[in-house]
Amino acid sequence: MRAGATLGILTTGSEVATTSFPFPMELAGNGGLAGVTIGYNFRLNDQFVIGIEADGSFSTLDTDPEGIPFLDTADERLESLLTLRARLGITQGPVMAYGTLGLAGGNAGYSATVVDFGKGPPVPYAPAEASAFVTGVVGGVGVEVAVNESISLKAEALMYQMSSLHASGDSDTDDPEGGAFDSEYTPSGMVIRTGINFHF
């Protein structure tokens, strides 16, 4: 059995598609990550180890669009990240390299505001906003080094892909030229983090 703490960086690149303005939008950003882990390892033989690990982290991920036509504002947030993963490792002395794969989830939020410049004066659209707990998959690789029988240090890189979050917005009610628009985004990106584990 082992438990530990992690610190890292969370990055994302999420495609957003709108029905009123059919073009993809890339939201890129990064943020900090801090959390705790718990897991169990089982040694198959002198070289191979299998295990299971669960972790929960708070995130400061916040993204912004770059060079998007018609887009006034857009913001994506991933406020937490939870994973439940299997691990398969190969050991050499105090060092274990491993691959990991499992499920992911987190609290996500999204908002966007667009302006239509296609028909005369700009027409504002009301913000499309949504927040929900989204789920998906996560996988990656890492390395863990035993300091002694009770403590180990690790570093890992994980890729995550979540389910889409949908949002809708209506036109400014004072402007009859406006109209509704629908939008969705799919949180996806990479986690790079380090941590310390305590074995007992």
C-alpha atoms as a PDB file:
ATOM      1  CA  MET A   1       0.000   0.000   0.000  1.00  0.00           C
ATOM      2  CA  ARG A   2       1.238   3.497  -0.715  1.00  0.00           C
ATOM      3  CA  ALA A   3      -0.011   7.063  -0.452  1.00  0.00           C
ATOM      4  CA  GLY A   4       1.529  10.296  -1.609  1.00  0.00           C
ATOM      5  CA  ALA A   5       1.271  13.860  -2.863  1.00  0.00           C
ATOM      6  CA  THR A   6       1.774  15.297  -6.357  1.00  0.00           C
ATOM      7  CA  LEU A   7       2.519  18.665  -7.951  1.00  0.00           C
ATOM      8  CA  GLY A   8       2.466  19.392 -11.649  1.00  0.00           C
ATOM      9  CA  ILE A   9       1.413  21.324 -14.730  1.00  0.00           C
ATOM     10  CA  LEU A  10      -1.817  20.748 -16.657  1.00  0.00           C
ATOM     11  CA  THR A  11      -2.030  21.786 -20.306  1.00  0.00           C
ATOM     12  CA  THR A  12      -4.898  21.575 -22.776  1.00  0.00           C
ATOM     13  CA  GLY A  13      -5.834  21.997 -26.412  1.00  0.00           C
ATOM     14  CA  SER A  14      -9.590  21.799 -26.917  1.00  0.00           C
ATOM     15  CA  GLU A  15     -11.534  22.041 -30.151  1.00  0.00           C
ATOM     16  CA  VAL A  16     -14.764  24.024 -29.979  1.00  0.00           C
ATOM     17  CA  ALA A  17     -17.324  23.764 -32.801  1.00  0.00           C
ATOM     18  CA  THR A  18     -20.290  26.136 -33.192  1.00  0.00           C
ATOM     19  CA  THR A  19     -23.343  25.629 -35.372  1.00  0.00           C
ATOM     20  CA  SER A  20     -23.975  29.332 -36.061  1.00  0.00           C
ATOM     21  CA  PHE A  21     -20.362  29.923 -37.066  1.00  0.00           C
ATOM     22  CA  PRO A  22     -19.026  26.560 -38.310  1.00  0.00           C
ATOM     23  CA  PHE A  23     -15.308  26.793 -37.656  1.00  0.00           C
ATOM     24  CA  PRO A  24     -13.108  24.966 -35.128  1.00  0.00           C
ATOM     25  CA  MET A  25     -11.564  26.942 -32.302  1.00  0.00           C
ATOM     26  CA  GLU A  26      -8.428  25.968 -30.422  1.00  0.00           C
ATOM     27  CA  LEU A  27      -8.339  26.940 -26.763  1.00  0.00           C
ATOM     28  CA  ALA A  28      -4.825  26.536 -25.409  1.00  0.00           C
ATOM     29  CA  GLY A  29      -3.657  27.141 -21.882  1.00  0.00           C
ATOM     30  CA  ASN A  30      -2.004  25.707 -18.826  1.00  0.00           C
ATOM     31  CA  GLY A  31      -2.280  25.761 -15.070  1.00  0.00           C
ATOM     32  CA  GLY A  32      -0.981  24.289 -11.856  1.00  0.00           C
ATOM     33  CA  LEU A  33      -1.998  20.991 -10.323  1.00  0.00           C
ATOM     34  CA  ALA A  34      -1.773  19.710  -6.743  1.00  0.00           C
ATOM     35  CA  GLY A  35      -3.267  16.568  -5.272  1.00  0.00           C
ATOM     36  CA  VAL A  36      -2.952  13.262  -3.446  1.00  0.00           C
ATOM     37  CA  THR A  37      -2.636   9.636  -4.570  1.00  0.00           C
ATOM     38  CA  ILE A  38      -3.250   6.214  -3.094  1.00  0.00           C
ATOM     39  CA  GLY A  39      -2.404   2.867  -4.619  1.00  0.00           C
ATOM     40  CA  TYR A  40      -1.266  -0.715  -4.271  1.00  0.00           C
ATOM     41  CA  ASN A  41       1.557  -2.579  -5.999  1.00  0.00           C
ATOM     42  CA  PHE A  42       1.908  -6.334  -6.489  1.00  0.00           C
ATOM     43  CA  ARG A  43       5.253  -7.791  -7.569  1.00  0.00           C
ATOM     44  CA  LEU A  44       4.891 -10.514 -10.191  1.00  0.00           C
ATOM     45  CA  ASN A  45       8.573 -11.486 -10.160  1.00  0.00           C
ATOM     46  CA  ASP A  46      12.008  -9.869  -9.873  1.00  0.00           C
ATOM     47  CA  GLN A  47      11.316  -7.536 -12.795  1.00  0.00           C
ATOM     48  CA  PHE A  48       7.593  -6.906 -13.244  1.00  0.00           C
ATOM     49  CA  VAL A  49       5.148  -5.056 -11.000  1.00  0.00           C
ATOM     50  CA  ILE A  50       1.422  -4.483 -11.481  1.00  0.00           C
ATOM     51  CA  GLY A  51      -0.689  -2.080  -9.469  1.00  0.00           C
ATOM     52  CA  ILE A  52      -3.675   0.197  -9.219  1.00  0.00           C
ATOM     53  CA  GLU A  53      -3.644   3.906  -8.393  1.00  0.00           C
ATOM     54  CA  ALA A  54      -6.293   6.521  -7.669  1.00  0.00           C
ATOM     55  CA  ASP A  55      -5.627  10.245  -7.372  1.00  0.00           C
ATOM     56  CA  GLY A  56      -7.459  13.516  -6.994  1.00  0.00           C
ATOM     57  CA  SER A  57      -6.109  16.968  -7.822  1.00  0.00           C
ATOM     58  CA  PHE A  58      -7.191  20.582  -7.797  1.00  0.00           C
ATOM     59  CA  SER A  59      -6.374  22.478 -10.976  1.00  0.00           C
ATOM     60  CA  THR A  60      -5.972  26.125 -11.981  1.00  0.00           C
ATOM     61  CA  LEU A  61      -6.302  25.410 -15.716  1.00  0.00           C
ATOM     62  CA  ASP A  62      -7.804  28.379 -17.581  1.00  0.00           C
ATOM     63  CA  THR A  63      -7.644  28.814 -21.352  1.00  0.00           C
ATOM     64  CA  ASP A  64      -8.061  31.604 -23.883  1.00  0.00           C
ATOM     65  CA  PRO A  65      -8.563  31.603 -27.674  1.00  0.00           C
ATOM     66  CA  GLU A  66      -6.043  32.973 -30.138  1.00  0.00           C
ATOM     67  CA  GLY A  67      -6.887  34.612 -33.474  1.00  0.00           C
ATOM     68  CA  ILE A  68     -10.489  33.414 -33.741  1.00  0.00           C
ATOM     69  CA  PRO A  69     -12.804  35.388 -36.095  1.00  0.00           C
ATOM     70  CA  PHE A  70     -16.204  36.447 -34.737  1.00  0.00           C
ATOM     71  CA  LEU A  71     -15.224  35.291 -31.251  1.00  0.00           C
ATOM     72  CA  ASP A  72     -15.494  37.949 -28.574  1.00  0.00           C
ATOM     73  CA  THR A  73     -14.560  35.889 -25.517  1.00  0.00           C
ATOM     74  CA  ALA A  74     -14.082  32.230 -24.662  1.00  0.00           C
ATOM     75  CA  ASP A  75     -12.964  30.532 -21.497  1.00  0.00           C
ATOM     76  CA  GLU A  76     -12.468  26.908 -20.480  1.00  0.00           C
ATOM     77  CA  ARG A  77     -11.781  25.732 -16.941  1.00  0.00           C
ATOM     78  CA  LEU A  78     -10.848  22.339 -15.536  1.00  0.00           C
ATOM     79  CA  GLU A  79     -11.097  22.795 -11.782  1.00  0.00           C
ATOM     80  CA  SER A  80     -10.343  19.239 -10.697  1.00  0.00           C
ATOM     81  CA  LEU A  81      -8.955  16.012 -12.120  1.00  0.00           C
ATOM     82  CA  LEU A  82      -9.622  12.508 -10.774  1.00  0.00           C
ATOM     83  CA  THR A  83      -8.099   9.325 -12.181  1.00  0.00           C
ATOM     84  CA  LEU A  84      -8.318   5.602 -11.497  1.00  0.00           C
ATOM     85  CA  ARG A  85      -5.575   3.745 -13.340  1.00  0.00           C
ATOM     86  CA  ALA A  86      -3.840   0.387 -13.682  1.00  0.00           C
ATOM     87  CA  ARG A  87      -0.040   0.361 -13.795  1.00  0.00           C
ATOM     88  CA  LEU A  88       2.449  -2.094 -15.268  1.00  0.00           C
ATOM     89  CA  GLY A  89       6.076  -1.518 -14.387  1.00  0.00           C
ATOM     90  CA  ILE A  90       9.487  -3.020 -15.002  1.00  0.00           C
ATOM     91  CA  THR A  91      12.147  -2.616 -12.334  1.00  0.00           C
ATOM     92  CA  GLN A  92      15.907  -2.306 -12.412  1.00  0.00           C
ATOM     93  CA  GLY A  93      17.377  -1.899  -8.944  1.00  0.00           C
ATOM     94  CA  PRO A  94      15.604   1.007  -7.204  1.00  0.00           C
ATOM     95  CA  VAL A  95      14.131   2.330 -10.486  1.00  0.00           C
ATOM     96  CA  MET A  96      10.764   1.340 -11.951  1.00  0.00           C
ATOM     97  CA  ALA A  97       9.562   2.514 -15.375  1.00  0.00           C
ATOM     98  CA  TYR A  98       5.839   2.041 -15.954  1.00  0.00           C
ATOM     99  CA  GLY A  99       2.914   2.544 -18.246  1.00  0.00           C
ATOM    100  CA  THR A 100      -0.547   3.412 -16.953  1.00  0.00           C
ATOM    101  CA  LEU A 101      -4.091   3.470 -18.353  1.00  0.00           C
ATOM    102  CA  GLY A 102      -7.505   4.117 -16.843  1.00  0.00           C
ATOM    103  CA  LEU A 103     -10.472   6.412 -16.300  1.00  0.00           C
ATOM    104  CA  ALA A 104     -10.542  10.163 -15.691  1.00  0.00           C
ATOM    105  CA  GLY A 105     -13.090  12.708 -14.506  1.00  0.00           C
ATOM    106  CA  GLY A 106     -13.241  16.327 -13.460  1.00  0.00           C
ATOM    107  CA  ASN A 107     -15.295  19.464 -12.915  1.00  0.00           C
ATOM    108  CA  ALA A 108     -15.231  21.528 -16.112  1.00  0.00           C
ATOM    109  CA  GLY A 109     -16.711  24.872 -17.090  1.00  0.00           C
ATOM    110  CA  TYR A 110     -17.034  26.684 -20.419  1.00  0.00           C
ATOM    111  CA  SER A 111     -18.314  30.025 -21.664  1.00  0.00           C
ATOM    112  CA  ALA A 112     -18.190  31.806 -25.026  1.00  0.00           C
ATOM    113  CA  THR A 113     -19.514  35.008 -26.560  1.00  0.00           C
ATOM    114  CA  VAL A 114     -19.610  35.627 -30.308  1.00  0.00           C
ATOM    115  CA  VAL A 115     -20.304  38.677 -32.453  1.00  0.00           C
ATOM    116  CA  ASP A 116     -21.715  38.413 -35.996  1.00  0.00           C
ATOM    117  CA  PHE A 117     -20.016  40.889 -38.345  1.00  0.00           C
ATOM    118  CA  GLY A 118     -21.641  39.421 -41.458  1.00  0.00           C
ATOM    119  CA  LYS A 119     -24.654  41.725 -41.822  1.00  0.00           C
ATOM    120  CA  GLY A 120     -23.863  45.352 -41.275  1.00  0.00           C
ATOM    121  CA  PRO A 121     -23.249  46.464 -37.687  1.00  0.00           C
ATOM    122  CA  PRO A 122     -21.898  43.861 -35.242  1.00  0.00           C
ATOM    123  CA  VAL A 123     -24.644  41.750 -33.646  1.00  0.00           C
ATOM    124  CA  PRO A 124     -23.885  40.511 -30.134  1.00  0.00           C
ATOM    125  CA  TYR A 125     -24.928  37.048 -29.020  1.00  0.00           C
ATOM    126  CA  ALA A 126     -25.585  36.185 -25.386  1.00  0.00           C
ATOM    127  CA  PRO A 127     -22.904  34.060 -23.705  1.00  0.00           C
ATOM    128  CA  ALA A 128     -23.110  30.291 -24.032  1.00  0.00           C
ATOM    129  CA  GLU A 129     -22.277  28.883 -20.629  1.00  0.00           C
ATOM    130  CA  ALA A 130     -22.142  25.390 -19.127  1.00  0.00           C
ATOM    131  CA  SER A 131     -20.503  23.518 -16.277  1.00  0.00           C
ATOM    132  CA  ALA A 132     -20.563  19.804 -15.481  1.00  0.00           C
ATOM    133  CA  PHE A 133     -18.620  16.822 -14.231  1.00  0.00           C
ATOM    134  CA  VAL A 134     -17.091  15.220 -17.328  1.00  0.00           C
ATOM    135  CA  THR A 135     -15.527  11.771 -17.692  1.00  0.00           C
ATOM    136  CA  GLY A 136     -13.056  10.170 -20.067  1.00  0.00           C
ATOM    137  CA  VAL A 137      -9.859   8.177 -20.348  1.00  0.00           C
ATOM    138  CA  VAL A 138      -6.264   8.805 -19.304  1.00  0.00           C
ATOM    139  CA  GLY A 139      -2.973   7.082 -20.040  1.00  0.00           C
ATOM    140  CA  GLY A 140       0.747   7.712 -19.937  1.00  0.00           C
ATOM    141  CA  VAL A 141       4.184   6.729 -18.743  1.00  0.00           C
ATOM    142  CA  GLY A 142       6.309   7.437 -15.703  1.00  0.00           C
ATOM    143  CA  VAL A 143       9.291   6.506 -13.604  1.00  0.00           C
ATOM    144  CA  GLU A 144       9.483   5.886  -9.863  1.00  0.00           C
ATOM    145  CA  VAL A 145      12.700   5.730  -7.826  1.00  0.00           C
ATOM    146  CA  ALA A 146      12.910   4.170  -4.379  1.00  0.00           C
ATOM    147  CA  VAL A 147      14.796   6.338  -1.888  1.00  0.00           C
ATOM    148  CA  ASN A 148      14.467   3.674   0.821  1.00  0.00           C
ATOM    149  CA  GLU A 149      11.916   1.046   1.847  1.00  0.00           C
ATOM    150  CA  SER A 150       9.399   3.696   2.901  1.00  0.00           C
ATOM    151  CA  ILE A 151       9.771   6.556   0.393  1.00  0.00           C
ATOM    152  CA  SER A 152       9.858   6.818  -3.388  1.00  0.00           C
ATOM    153  CA  LEU A 153       9.888   9.722  -5.848  1.00  0.00           C
ATOM    154  CA  LYS A 154       8.052   9.705  -9.171  1.00  0.00           C
ATOM    155  CA  ALA A 155       7.618  11.710 -12.353  1.00  0.00           C
ATOM    156  CA  GLU A 156       4.975  11.013 -14.978  1.00  0.00           C
ATOM    157  CA  ALA A 157       3.302  12.353 -18.102  1.00  0.00           C
ATOM    158  CA  LEU A 158      -0.380  11.583 -18.700  1.00  0.00           C
ATOM    159  CA  MET A 159      -2.650  12.307 -21.666  1.00  0.00           C
ATOM    160  CA  TYR A 160      -6.364  12.790 -20.939  1.00  0.00           C
ATOM    161  CA  GLN A 161      -9.456  12.949 -23.151  1.00  0.00           C
ATOM    162  CA  MET A 162     -12.839  13.887 -21.652  1.00  0.00           C
ATOM    163  CA  SER A 163     -16.425  13.811 -22.901  1.00  0.00           C
ATOM    164  CA  SER A 164     -17.813  16.949 -24.567  1.00  0.00           C
ATOM    165  CA  LEU A 165     -19.551  19.768 -22.730  1.00  0.00           C
ATOM    166  CA  HIS A 166     -22.409  21.472 -24.611  1.00  0.00           C
ATOM    167  CA  ALA A 167     -23.551  25.087 -24.226  1.00  0.00           C
ATOM    168  CA  SER A 168     -26.109  27.343 -25.944  1.00  0.00           C
ATOM    169  CA  GLY A 169     -26.549  31.095 -26.235  1.00  0.00           C
ATOM    170  CA  ASP A 170     -29.331  33.330 -27.543  1.00  0.00           C
ATOM    171  CA  SER A 171     -29.046  36.652 -29.302  1.00  0.00           C
ATOM    172  CA  ASP A 172     -29.247  39.949 -27.521  1.00  0.00           C
ATOM    173  CA  THR A 173     -33.024  40.371 -27.061  1.00  0.00           C
ATOM    174  CA  ASP A 174     -32.748  44.072 -28.011  1.00  0.00           C
ATOM    175  CA  ASP A 175     -31.414  43.210 -31.471  1.00  0.00           C
ATOM    176  CA  PRO A 176     -33.814  41.360 -33.838  1.00  0.00           C
ATOM    177  CA  GLU A 177     -30.952  40.594 -36.237  1.00  0.00           C
ATOM    178  CA  GLY A 178     -29.312  38.246 -33.737  1.00  0.00           C
ATOM    179  CA  GLY A 179     -29.913  34.543 -33.286  1.00  0.00           C
ATOM    180  CA  ALA A 180     -29.105  31.586 -31.068  1.00  0.00           C
ATOM    181  CA  PHE A 181     -25.901  29.579 -31.343  1.00  0.00           C
ATOM    182  CA  ASP A 182     -24.772  26.248 -29.985  1.00  0.00           C
ATOM    183  CA  SER A 183     -21.268  25.366 -28.917  1.00  0.00           C
ATOM    184  CA  GLU A 184     -19.386  22.438 -27.451  1.00  0.00           C
ATOM    185  CA  TYR A 185     -15.854  21.672 -26.336  1.00  0.00           C
ATOM    186  CA  THR A 186     -13.936  18.528 -25.481  1.00  0.00           C
ATOM    187  CA  PRO A 187     -11.359  18.874 -22.695  1.00  0.00           C
ATOM    188  CA  SER A 188      -8.140  17.126 -23.661  1.00  0.00           C
ATOM    189  CA  GLY A 189      -4.493  17.669 -22.891  1.00  0.00           C
ATOM    190  CA  MET A 190      -1.472  16.573 -20.902  1.00  0.00           C
ATOM    191  CA  VAL A 191      -0.478  16.375 -17.256  1.00  0.00           C
ATOM    192  CA  ILE A 192       3.197  16.519 -16.304  1.00  0.00           C
ATOM    193  CA  ARG A 193       3.765  16.040 -12.594  1.00  0.00           C
ATOM    194  CA  THR A 194       6.120  14.866  -9.897  1.00  0.00           C
ATOM    195  CA  GLY A 195       5.313  13.356  -6.540  1.00  0.00           C
ATOM    196  CA  ILE A 196       6.457  11.617  -3.395  1.00  0.00           C
ATOM    197  CA  ASN A 197       5.008   8.318  -2.195  1.00  0.00           C
ATOM    198  CA  PHE A 198       5.074   6.805   1.269  1.00  0.00           C
ATOM    199  CA  HIS A 199       4.948   2.994   1.423  1.00  0.00           C
ATOM    200  CA  PHE A 200       3.444   1.106   4.348  1.00  0.00           C
END
